[in-house]
């Protein structure tokens, strides 16, 4: 075996040396001896061991040369020297990390790769066999794993204005597995010279409301009627709505019409059929926005009919009375800059001129969180850009990865757009990626990527029509009905665009609707009770594959079944049952008979 012994071994530990010598003379014997008191040798066997009470230390003595003498009984001797290695044991953990570089920990923000930062990490492990290596996690710097010297990494950039100092964690790891770390602060100073610009893509804010006063809560004028139930005929002003005539603002309590947001709504007919419009600010040409509004009929079919226009183009003609006249929500996509380009929303009453105008509430136009641009819109505006450059006076030029685009410069404002005459085609590409690079006058640059969703535009885009009930039977269901029984409602709505399909949905879990046919049935496991709920208002939504939708509410009567028999007859008159012998016709006798039937609708005689 190897001639080795672990440091700190106890007395008697073998060291791997068994001395041996021979004397050929018959009768001669050989014995062994050593002079190093740290060890003992068996005189007969030659086995060398550590002496009792001896402490070996690999850190001070890594090996020992041991001379062994063999002596024959005839007086002759011989000697040999053997080297015993003292193996190291893990006695010490790694020390804390320190900085042995006396220079200041500082760099300029123009520092290049290889620049020293003034930090030399140092830690030690006193175990003689252990070595220490160094590491850092910040990719802007590098550290020599052996020496601990920290330098600036390739491609690193710094900005003393945005980050005047950097905290750098240096970790030292020993081969025995122990580690320690320390944080050193590096000052970043202004190195002068040119600094790279920062290109910022100003993406739209998702869900941002662009229309003002869509619930008609802010206005001025004179009320007619009681507070909470009155109306304001042709108000002096309606905030946000820059053009209107022959309209009234109603308080929601007026005639019990209610509303869908806030305490007011608009009546689109005052003394005659009216109109109202608002020009929307902040839209980009070619971007797709979500238009939503609620409408309610104030009269019968044909009396409260409204037309909705976007940029002078008719997008819907709506008669809420066709679906019962309750409040309904209508949703459309509109394109900024389309039509006459004015970004104007207009509602016009076209029903019978009988003062029964369409009621409007909760008008909204919102932006998307993504860049959604309509196909076939030439020169569409994509997004605003801005450039932040710490170097005062730097000018900037732009390059683009797709030559269909350009950046229009207006002072310090920049707009990424399609060139005039360029447009997207949804059938060719549903999304487009373009890289925009801003380069300053010193040649430094920054690049950002813009992702664009191309929105399909139908040539004849019509919204889904109102929801009606195509089942002419009564909307009624027995309280004892089981799952699958029809309630008398077959929802129907149409979309005139070729290829568009309409599906139906409800939210009341007590019922189910066939998404394709619109037939409504009772859901499995549901129990109805006419004595508790005599009727149910059921809202049905029709959604077209083009994204438009409409809703209507239908009332389902819950028919009472004969669940209860009549109760026994009692006398509810607490007076004595008595009449005088001279009583005339009509005189009460003290008896008032009473019995009841718990079934809703049953009467007792």
Foldseek 3Di string as FASTA:
>chain_A
DAQEDEFQDAWPAFRPDWDDDDDPDPPKAKFKAWDPQQWGAGRRGRTITGHHPDGGACLVPQKDWTKMKMAIPVGDIDIDIDIGGHDWDQDWFKDAKDFPQPDAQEDEQVDAWPAFRRGWIDIDRSTPVKAKFKAWDPPQWGAGRHGRTITGHHPHGDDCVVDQKDWTKMKMAMPVGHIHIDIDIYGYHHPDDFDAKDKDFPFDDAFDWFAPCQFQPDFAADWDDDPLATKGFPTPGGPQWPDKDQKMKGFQNHVVQHADDDGIWMFQHHQWGMKIKGFTPDAWAQFKKKKKKKKFWQDAFQAAWKFKDFQNHTADIAGCNQQPGHIKMKMDIDGQLPHNNRRMIMMTTDGDTPRGYMIIGDITITHHRAQEGEFPRFWTWGTKMAMGTPDPPKDKDKDKPDVQWDWDDDPRIITITGPGPDGHDCVVPQKDKMKMWIAIPVGHIDIDIGIYGYDYDDPDFHAKYAKHFPQPDAQEDEQADAWPAFRRGWIDIDTPGPPKAKFKDWDPVQWGAGRRGRTITGHHPDGGACLVPQKDWTKMKIAIPSGIIMIHIDIHGHAWDQPWDKDDKDFPQPDAQDDDPPDDPPDHRRGDIDIDGSIPPDDDD
